[in-house]
Amino acid sequence: MIKLKIYVLKYDNAKEDTLKSVDLSMNDGDILAVVGPSGGGKSTLLRIIAGLENPQKGAMYLGERKIIGEHTFVVRKNADWNGFSR
């Protein structure tokens, strides 16, 4: 099972928090659809999950491991979620 928690994420040029209270749990083989209004944070969420963005505030966890947060930005080294590097 993959668990993803994002408490608060904010970019330095944003006036408000970009994402708040995202909590996802998925089993192997599950399919996820991210839907919502324009400007709702869908692309931001996917870019953060993919490791393409490093937000200025907040934390993201994969399972129990913090992969984005203050002084932490773990970069994927493989195509699977099991291999991370610092």
PDB file of N, CA and C in Angstrom:
ATOM      1  N   MET A   1       0.833  -1.180   0.000  1.00  0.00           N
ATOM      2  CA  MET A   1       0.000   0.000   0.000  1.00  0.00           C
ATOM      3  C   MET A   1       0.880   1.246   0.000  1.00  0.00           C
ATOM      4  N   ILE A   2       0.475   2.234  -0.760  1.00  0.00           N
ATOM      5  CA  ILE A   2       1.156   3.524  -0.800  1.00  0.00           C
ATOM      6  C   ILE A   2       0.305   4.521  -0.036  1.00  0.00           C
ATOM      7  N   LYS A   3       0.916   5.225   0.892  1.00  0.00           N
ATOM      8  CA  LYS A   3       0.226   6.276   1.626  1.00  0.00           C
ATOM      9  C   LYS A   3       0.942   7.586   1.380  1.00  0.00           C
ATOM     10  N   LEU A   4       0.179   8.590   1.079  1.00  0.00           N
ATOM     11  CA  LEU A   4       0.735   9.904   0.790  1.00  0.00           C
ATOM     12  C   LEU A   4      -0.008  10.930   1.620  1.00  0.00           C
ATOM     13  N   LYS A   5       0.722  11.723   2.391  1.00  0.00           N
ATOM     14  CA  LYS A   5       0.107  12.781   3.196  1.00  0.00           C
ATOM     15  C   LYS A   5       0.813  14.088   2.889  1.00  0.00           C
ATOM     16  N   ILE A   6       0.032  15.076   2.564  1.00  0.00           N
ATOM     17  CA  ILE A   6       0.549  16.429   2.392  1.00  0.00           C
ATOM     18  C   ILE A   6      -0.237  17.304   3.353  1.00  0.00           C
ATOM     19  N   TYR A   7       0.445  17.903   4.311  1.00  0.00           N
ATOM     20  CA  TYR A   7      -0.253  18.718   5.297  1.00  0.00           C
ATOM     21  C   TYR A   7      -0.524  20.110   4.750  1.00  0.00           C
ATOM     22  N   VAL A   8       0.500  20.833   4.409  1.00  0.00           N
ATOM     23  CA  VAL A   8       0.370  22.157   3.800  1.00  0.00           C
ATOM     24  C   VAL A   8       1.567  22.356   2.892  1.00  0.00           C
ATOM     25  N   LEU A   9       1.322  22.809   1.673  1.00  0.00           N
ATOM     26  CA  LEU A   9       2.407  23.151   0.763  1.00  0.00           C
ATOM     27  C   LEU A   9       2.167  24.552   0.228  1.00  0.00           C
ATOM     28  N   LYS A  10       3.225  25.345   0.186  1.00  0.00           N
ATOM     29  CA  LYS A  10       3.109  26.725  -0.274  1.00  0.00           C
ATOM     30  C   LYS A  10       4.352  27.114  -1.050  1.00  0.00           C
ATOM     31  N   TYR A  11       4.150  27.789  -2.160  1.00  0.00           N
ATOM     32  CA  TYR A  11       5.269  28.338  -2.934  1.00  0.00           C
ATOM     33  C   TYR A  11       5.617  29.713  -2.394  1.00  0.00           C
ATOM     34  N   ASP A  12       6.888  30.110  -2.517  1.00  0.00           N
ATOM     35  CA  ASP A  12       7.322  31.381  -1.950  1.00  0.00           C
ATOM     36  C   ASP A  12       6.621  32.577  -2.577  1.00  0.00           C
ATOM     37  N   ASN A  13       6.148  32.471  -3.811  1.00  0.00           N
ATOM     38  CA  ASN A  13       5.481  33.605  -4.452  1.00  0.00           C
ATOM     39  C   ASN A  13       3.959  33.569  -4.289  1.00  0.00           C
ATOM     40  N   ALA A  14       3.435  32.580  -3.569  1.00  0.00           N
ATOM     41  CA  ALA A  14       1.984  32.437  -3.387  1.00  0.00           C
ATOM     42  C   ALA A  14       1.527  33.213  -2.163  1.00  0.00           C
ATOM     43  N   LYS A  15       0.350  33.806  -2.270  1.00  0.00           N
ATOM     44  CA  LYS A  15      -0.222  34.533  -1.140  1.00  0.00           C
ATOM     45  C   LYS A  15      -0.906  33.584  -0.161  1.00  0.00           C
ATOM     46  N   GLU A  16      -1.412  32.470  -0.665  1.00  0.00           N
ATOM     47  CA  GLU A  16      -2.104  31.496   0.168  1.00  0.00           C
ATOM     48  C   GLU A  16      -1.448  30.129   0.013  1.00  0.00           C
ATOM     49  N   ASP A  17      -1.793  29.208   0.906  1.00  0.00           N
ATOM     50  CA  ASP A  17      -1.298  27.843   0.787  1.00  0.00           C
ATOM     51  C   ASP A  17      -1.776  27.245  -0.535  1.00  0.00           C
ATOM     52  N   THR A  18      -0.900  26.525  -1.219  1.00  0.00           N
ATOM     53  CA  THR A  18      -1.229  25.938  -2.515  1.00  0.00           C
ATOM     54  C   THR A  18      -2.044  24.672  -2.342  1.00  0.00           C
ATOM     55  N   LEU A  19      -1.647  23.813  -1.431  1.00  0.00           N
ATOM     56  CA  LEU A  19      -2.381  22.582  -1.127  1.00  0.00           C
ATOM     57  C   LEU A  19      -2.528  22.448   0.379  1.00  0.00           C
ATOM     58  N   LYS A  20      -3.679  21.932   0.814  1.00  0.00           N
ATOM     59  CA  LYS A  20      -3.913  21.695   2.242  1.00  0.00           C
ATOM     60  C   LYS A  20      -4.560  20.332   2.417  1.00  0.00           C
ATOM     61  N   SER A  21      -4.113  19.609   3.397  1.00  0.00           N
ATOM     62  CA  SER A  21      -4.757  18.371   3.855  1.00  0.00           C
ATOM     63  C   SER A  21      -5.053  17.371   2.735  1.00  0.00           C
ATOM     64  N   VAL A  22      -4.005  16.920   2.059  1.00  0.00           N
ATOM     65  CA  VAL A  22      -4.149  15.869   1.054  1.00  0.00           C
ATOM     66  C   VAL A  22      -3.740  14.557   1.712  1.00  0.00           C
ATOM     67  N   ASP A  23      -4.589  13.557   1.663  1.00  0.00           N
ATOM     68  CA  ASP A  23      -4.323  12.271   2.295  1.00  0.00           C
ATOM     69  C   ASP A  23      -4.799  11.173   1.348  1.00  0.00           C
ATOM     70  N   LEU A  24      -3.865  10.438   0.754  1.00  0.00           N
ATOM     71  CA  LEU A  24      -4.185   9.393  -0.211  1.00  0.00           C
ATOM     72  C   LEU A  24      -3.665   8.050   0.282  1.00  0.00           C
ATOM     73  N   SER A  25      -4.445   7.007   0.089  1.00  0.00           N
ATOM     74  CA  SER A  25      -4.002   5.636   0.329  1.00  0.00           C
ATOM     75  C   SER A  25      -4.400   4.813  -0.877  1.00  0.00           C
ATOM     76  N   MET A  26      -3.449   4.079  -1.443  1.00  0.00           N
ATOM     77  CA  MET A  26      -3.717   3.279  -2.634  1.00  0.00           C
ATOM     78  C   MET A  26      -3.050   1.923  -2.507  1.00  0.00           C
ATOM     79  N   ASN A  27      -3.704   0.899  -3.006  1.00  0.00           N
ATOM     80  CA  ASN A  27      -3.120  -0.429  -3.096  1.00  0.00           C
ATOM     81  C   ASN A  27      -2.491  -0.610  -4.466  1.00  0.00           C
ATOM     82  N   ASP A  28      -1.588  -1.577  -4.595  1.00  0.00           N
ATOM     83  CA  ASP A  28      -1.002  -1.886  -5.896  1.00  0.00           C
ATOM     84  C   ASP A  28      -2.116  -2.163  -6.895  1.00  0.00           C
ATOM     85  N   GLY A  29      -2.009  -1.570  -8.075  1.00  0.00           N
ATOM     86  CA  GLY A  29      -2.992  -1.788  -9.125  1.00  0.00           C
ATOM     87  C   GLY A  29      -4.141  -0.802  -9.117  1.00  0.00           C
ATOM     88  N   ASP A  30      -4.263   0.014  -8.058  1.00  0.00           N
ATOM     89  CA  ASP A  30      -5.325   1.020  -8.017  1.00  0.00           C
ATOM     90  C   ASP A  30      -5.073   2.095  -9.068  1.00  0.00           C
ATOM     91  N   ILE A  31      -6.140   2.691  -9.537  1.00  0.00           N
ATOM     92  CA  ILE A  31      -6.071   3.805 -10.487  1.00  0.00           C
ATOM     93  C   ILE A  31      -6.642   5.032  -9.794  1.00  0.00           C
ATOM     94  N   LEU A  32      -5.952   6.141  -9.926  1.00  0.00           N
ATOM     95  CA  LEU A  32      -6.362   7.383  -9.281  1.00  0.00           C
ATOM     96  C   LEU A  32      -6.678   8.428 -10.339  1.00  0.00           C
ATOM     97  N   ALA A  33      -7.775   9.115 -10.184  1.00  0.00           N
ATOM     98  CA  ALA A  33      -8.127  10.256 -11.030  1.00  0.00           C
ATOM     99  C   ALA A  33      -8.114  11.504 -10.158  1.00  0.00           C
ATOM    100  N   VAL A  34      -7.434  12.535 -10.612  1.00  0.00           N
ATOM    101  CA  VAL A  34      -7.398  13.807  -9.896  1.00  0.00           C
ATOM    102  C   VAL A  34      -8.267  14.779 -10.678  1.00  0.00           C
ATOM    103  N   VAL A  35      -9.369  15.195 -10.082  1.00  0.00           N
ATOM    104  CA  VAL A  35     -10.312  16.090 -10.748  1.00  0.00           C
ATOM    105  C   VAL A  35     -10.600  17.290  -9.857  1.00  0.00           C
ATOM    106  N   GLY A  36     -10.996  18.383 -10.485  1.00  0.00           N
ATOM    107  CA  GLY A  36     -11.345  19.588  -9.741  1.00  0.00           C
ATOM    108  C   GLY A  36     -11.361  20.786 -10.650  1.00  0.00           C
ATOM    109  N   PRO A  37     -11.708  21.931 -10.103  1.00  0.00           N
ATOM    110  CA  PRO A  37     -11.819  23.144 -10.904  1.00  0.00           C
ATOM    111  C   PRO A  37     -10.455  23.681 -11.332  1.00  0.00           C
ATOM    112  N   SER A  38     -10.490  24.547 -12.318  1.00  0.00           N
ATOM    113  CA  SER A  38      -9.276  25.223 -12.764  1.00  0.00           C
ATOM    114  C   SER A  38      -8.671  25.990 -11.590  1.00  0.00           C
ATOM    115  N   GLY A  39      -7.372  25.836 -11.404  1.00  0.00           N
ATOM    116  CA  GLY A  39      -6.701  26.510 -10.301  1.00  0.00           C
ATOM    117  C   GLY A  39      -6.840  25.805  -8.970  1.00  0.00           C
ATOM    118  N   GLY A  40      -7.374  24.591  -8.981  1.00  0.00           N
ATOM    119  CA  GLY A  40      -7.608  23.859  -7.740  1.00  0.00           C
ATOM    120  C   GLY A  40      -6.402  23.126  -7.192  1.00  0.00           C
ATOM    121  N   GLY A  41      -5.285  23.071  -7.923  1.00  0.00           N
ATOM    122  CA  GLY A  41      -4.070  22.431  -7.428  1.00  0.00           C
ATOM    123  C   GLY A  41      -3.793  21.049  -7.993  1.00  0.00           C
ATOM    124  N   LYS A  42      -4.537  20.635  -9.017  1.00  0.00           N
ATOM    125  CA  LYS A  42      -4.346  19.285  -9.589  1.00  0.00           C
ATOM    126  C   LYS A  42      -2.945  19.123 -10.168  1.00  0.00           C
ATOM    127  N   SER A  43      -2.543  20.035 -11.016  1.00  0.00           N
ATOM    128  CA  SER A  43      -1.211  19.944 -11.636  1.00  0.00           C
ATOM    129  C   SER A  43      -0.114  20.091 -10.603  1.00  0.00           C
ATOM    130  N   THR A  44      -0.320  20.965  -9.634  1.00  0.00           N
ATOM    131  CA  THR A  44       0.662  21.138  -8.557  1.00  0.00           C
ATOM    132  C   THR A  44       0.839  19.839  -7.789  1.00  0.00           C
ATOM    133  N   LEU A  45      -0.261  19.185  -7.442  1.00  0.00           N
ATOM    134  CA  LEU A  45      -0.199  17.908  -6.730  1.00  0.00           C
ATOM    135  C   LEU A  45       0.603  16.886  -7.527  1.00  0.00           C
ATOM    136  N   LEU A  46       0.305  16.758  -8.800  1.00  0.00           N
ATOM    137  CA  LEU A  46       1.002  15.766  -9.628  1.00  0.00           C
ATOM    138  C   LEU A  46       2.471  16.117  -9.815  1.00  0.00           C
ATOM    139  N   ARG A  47       2.792  17.401  -9.962  1.00  0.00           N
ATOM    140  CA  ARG A  47       4.193  17.811 -10.099  1.00  0.00           C
ATOM    141  C   ARG A  47       4.983  17.552  -8.813  1.00  0.00           C
ATOM    142  N   ILE A  48       4.351  17.742  -7.675  1.00  0.00           N
ATOM    143  CA  ILE A  48       5.013  17.475  -6.394  1.00  0.00           C
ATOM    144  C   ILE A  48       5.221  15.981  -6.213  1.00  0.00           C
ATOM    145  N   ILE A  49       4.204  15.182  -6.512  1.00  0.00           N
ATOM    146  CA  ILE A  49       4.337  13.728  -6.404  1.00  0.00           C
ATOM    147  C   ILE A  49       5.444  13.219  -7.316  1.00  0.00           C
ATOM    148  N   ALA A  50       5.550  13.797  -8.510  1.00  0.00           N
ATOM    149  CA  ALA A  50       6.573  13.382  -9.471  1.00  0.00           C
ATOM    150  C   ALA A  50       7.966  13.880  -9.104  1.00  0.00           C
ATOM    151  N   GLY A  51       8.068  14.745  -8.110  1.00  0.00           N
ATOM    152  CA  GLY A  51       9.378  15.277  -7.711  1.00  0.00           C
ATOM    153  C   GLY A  51       9.854  16.414  -8.580  1.00  0.00           C
ATOM    154  N   LEU A  52       8.950  17.037  -9.324  1.00  0.00           N
ATOM    155  CA  LEU A  52       9.326  18.138 -10.212  1.00  0.00           C
ATOM    156  C   LEU A  52       9.263  19.490  -9.525  1.00  0.00           C
ATOM    157  N   GLU A  53       8.640  19.553  -8.372  1.00  0.00           N
ATOM    158  CA  GLU A  53       8.507  20.799  -7.616  1.00  0.00           C
ATOM    159  C   GLU A  53       9.024  20.596  -6.204  1.00  0.00           C
ATOM    160  N   ASN A  54       9.624  21.636  -5.664  1.00  0.00           N
ATOM    161  CA  ASN A  54      10.091  21.637  -4.286  1.00  0.00           C
ATOM    162  C   ASN A  54       9.433  22.814  -3.574  1.00  0.00           C
ATOM    163  N   PRO A  55       8.309  22.593  -2.921  1.00  0.00           N
ATOM    164  CA  PRO A  55       7.589  23.696  -2.294  1.00  0.00           C
ATOM    165  C   PRO A  55       8.370  24.319  -1.150  1.00  0.00           C
ATOM    166  N   GLN A  56       8.058  25.562  -0.849  1.00  0.00           N
ATOM    167  CA  GLN A  56       8.781  26.315   0.175  1.00  0.00           C
ATOM    168  C   GLN A  56       8.274  26.049   1.589  1.00  0.00           C
ATOM    169  N   LYS A  57       7.070  25.512   1.714  1.00  0.00           N
ATOM    170  CA  LYS A  57       6.481  25.275   3.039  1.00  0.00           C
ATOM    171  C   LYS A  57       5.712  23.971   2.993  1.00  0.00           C
ATOM    172  N   GLY A  58       5.775  23.204   4.049  1.00  0.00           N
ATOM    173  CA  GLY A  58       4.955  22.003   4.132  1.00  0.00           C
ATOM    174  C   GLY A  58       5.770  20.726   4.128  1.00  0.00           C
ATOM    175  N   ALA A  59       5.051  19.597   4.092  1.00  0.00           N
ATOM    176  CA  ALA A  59       5.696  18.292   4.117  1.00  0.00           C
ATOM    177  C   ALA A  59       4.849  17.289   3.353  1.00  0.00           C
ATOM    178  N   MET A  60       5.526  16.325   2.729  1.00  0.00           N
ATOM    179  CA  MET A  60       4.853  15.238   2.047  1.00  0.00           C
ATOM    180  C   MET A  60       5.496  13.945   2.505  1.00  0.00           C
ATOM    181  N   TYR A  61       4.664  12.952   2.825  1.00  0.00           N
ATOM    182  CA  TYR A  61       5.130  11.666   3.306  1.00  0.00           C
ATOM    183  C   TYR A  61       4.703  10.573   2.350  1.00  0.00           C
ATOM    184  N   LEU A  62       5.580   9.616   2.154  1.00  0.00           N
ATOM    185  CA  LEU A  62       5.236   8.401   1.438  1.00  0.00           C
ATOM    186  C   LEU A  62       5.353   7.288   2.464  1.00  0.00           C
ATOM    187  N   GLY A  63       4.217   6.761   2.893  1.00  0.00           N
ATOM    188  CA  GLY A  63       4.212   5.867   4.039  1.00  0.00           C
ATOM    189  C   GLY A  63       4.579   6.675   5.265  1.00  0.00           C
ATOM    190  N   GLU A  64       5.563   6.251   6.005  1.00  0.00           N
ATOM    191  CA  GLU A  64       6.024   6.978   7.192  1.00  0.00           C
ATOM    192  C   GLU A  64       7.232   7.854   6.897  1.00  0.00           C
ATOM    193  N   ARG A  65       7.753   7.802   5.675  1.00  0.00           N
ATOM    194  CA  ARG A  65       8.991   8.506   5.337  1.00  0.00           C
ATOM    195  C   ARG A  65       8.703   9.880   4.745  1.00  0.00           C
ATOM    196  N   LYS A  66       9.299  10.909   5.359  1.00  0.00           N
ATOM    197  CA  LYS A  66       9.159  12.258   4.810  1.00  0.00           C
ATOM    198  C   LYS A  66      10.029  12.353   3.553  1.00  0.00           C
ATOM    199  N   ILE A  67       9.410  12.725   2.435  1.00  0.00           N
ATOM    200  CA  ILE A  67      10.165  12.851   1.199  1.00  0.00           C
ATOM    201  C   ILE A  67      10.254  14.295   0.726  1.00  0.00           C
ATOM    202  N   ILE A  68       9.398  15.157   1.245  1.00  0.00           N
ATOM    203  CA  ILE A  68       9.501  16.592   0.982  1.00  0.00           C
ATOM    204  C   ILE A  68       9.170  17.306   2.277  1.00  0.00           C
ATOM    205  N   GLY A  69      10.016  18.257   2.642  1.00  0.00           N
ATOM    206  CA  GLY A  69       9.773  19.052   3.837  1.00  0.00           C
ATOM    207  C   GLY A  69      10.971  19.926   4.103  1.00  0.00           C
ATOM    208  N   GLU A  70      10.945  20.602   5.240  1.00  0.00           N
ATOM    209  CA  GLU A  70      12.059  21.462   5.592  1.00  0.00           C
ATOM    210  C   GLU A  70      13.357  20.653   5.623  1.00  0.00           C
ATOM    211  N   HIS A  71      14.331  21.062   4.861  1.00  0.00           N
ATOM    212  CA  HIS A  71      15.636  20.409   4.741  1.00  0.00           C
ATOM    213  C   HIS A  71      15.560  19.012   4.130  1.00  0.00           C
ATOM    214  N   THR A  72      14.448  18.654   3.504  1.00  0.00           N
ATOM    215  CA  THR A  72      14.288  17.325   2.912  1.00  0.00           C
ATOM    216  C   THR A  72      13.667  17.440   1.534  1.00  0.00           C
ATOM    217  N   PHE A  73      14.349  16.906   0.539  1.00  0.00           N
ATOM    218  CA  PHE A  73      13.775  16.762  -0.801  1.00  0.00           C
ATOM    219  C   PHE A  73      14.401  15.516  -1.396  1.00  0.00           C
ATOM    220  N   VAL A  74      13.688  14.407  -1.301  1.00  0.00           N
ATOM    221  CA  VAL A  74      14.199  13.115  -1.746  1.00  0.00           C
ATOM    222  C   VAL A  74      13.871  12.954  -3.220  1.00  0.00           C
ATOM    223  N   VAL A  75      14.881  12.651  -4.005  1.00  0.00           N
ATOM    224  CA  VAL A  75      14.720  12.507  -5.447  1.00  0.00           C
ATOM    225  C   VAL A  75      14.634  11.031  -5.795  1.00  0.00           C
ATOM    226  N   ARG A  76      13.634  10.682  -6.633  1.00  0.00           N
ATOM    227  CA  ARG A  76      13.523   9.298  -7.089  1.00  0.00           C
ATOM    228  C   ARG A  76      14.708   8.961  -7.960  1.00  0.00           C
ATOM    229  N   LYS A  77      15.262   7.778  -7.768  1.00  0.00           N
ATOM    230  CA  LYS A  77      16.368   7.355  -8.617  1.00  0.00           C
ATOM    231  C   LYS A  77      15.948   6.281  -9.607  1.00  0.00           C
ATOM    232  N   ASN A  78      14.781   5.650  -9.387  1.00  0.00           N
ATOM    233  CA  ASN A  78      14.277   4.598 -10.268  1.00  0.00           C
ATOM    234  C   ASN A  78      12.851   4.923 -10.667  1.00  0.00           C
ATOM    235  N   ALA A  79      12.285   4.122 -11.535  1.00  0.00           N
ATOM    236  CA  ALA A  79      10.905   4.314 -11.957  1.00  0.00           C
ATOM    237  C   ALA A  79       9.915   3.814 -10.921  1.00  0.00           C
ATOM    238  N   ASP A  80      10.374   3.075  -9.912  1.00  0.00           N
ATOM    239  CA  ASP A  80       9.440   2.611  -8.886  1.00  0.00           C
ATOM    240  C   ASP A  80       9.558   3.486  -7.641  1.00  0.00           C
ATOM    241  N   TRP A  81       8.616   3.379  -6.729  1.00  0.00           N
ATOM    242  CA  TRP A  81       8.601   4.215  -5.528  1.00  0.00           C
ATOM    243  C   TRP A  81       9.463   3.647  -4.419  1.00  0.00           C
ATOM    244  N   ASN A  82      10.107   2.497  -4.642  1.00  0.00           N
ATOM    245  CA  ASN A  82      10.907   1.894  -3.591  1.00  0.00           C
ATOM    246  C   ASN A  82      12.328   2.421  -3.537  1.00  0.00           C
ATOM    247  N   GLY A  83      12.822   2.994  -4.634  1.00  0.00           N
ATOM    248  CA  GLY A  83      14.195   3.459  -4.655  1.00  0.00           C
ATOM    249  C   GLY A  83      14.297   4.964  -4.578  1.00  0.00           C
ATOM    250  N   PHE A  84      14.788   5.471  -3.454  1.00  0.00           N
ATOM    251  CA  PHE A  84      14.959   6.903  -3.277  1.00  0.00           C
ATOM    252  C   PHE A  84      16.417   7.210  -2.991  1.00  0.00           C
ATOM    253  N   SER A  85      16.828   8.396  -3.348  1.00  0.00           N
ATOM    254  CA  SER A  85      18.158   8.856  -2.991  1.00  0.00           C
ATOM    255  C   SER A  85      18.040  10.246  -2.402  1.00  0.00           C
ATOM    256  N   ARG A  86      19.013  10.651  -1.654  1.00  0.00           N
ATOM    257  CA  ARG A  86      19.013  12.014  -1.069  1.00  0.00           C
ATOM    258  C   ARG A  86      19.856  12.922  -1.919  1.00  0.00           C
TER     259      ARG A  86
END
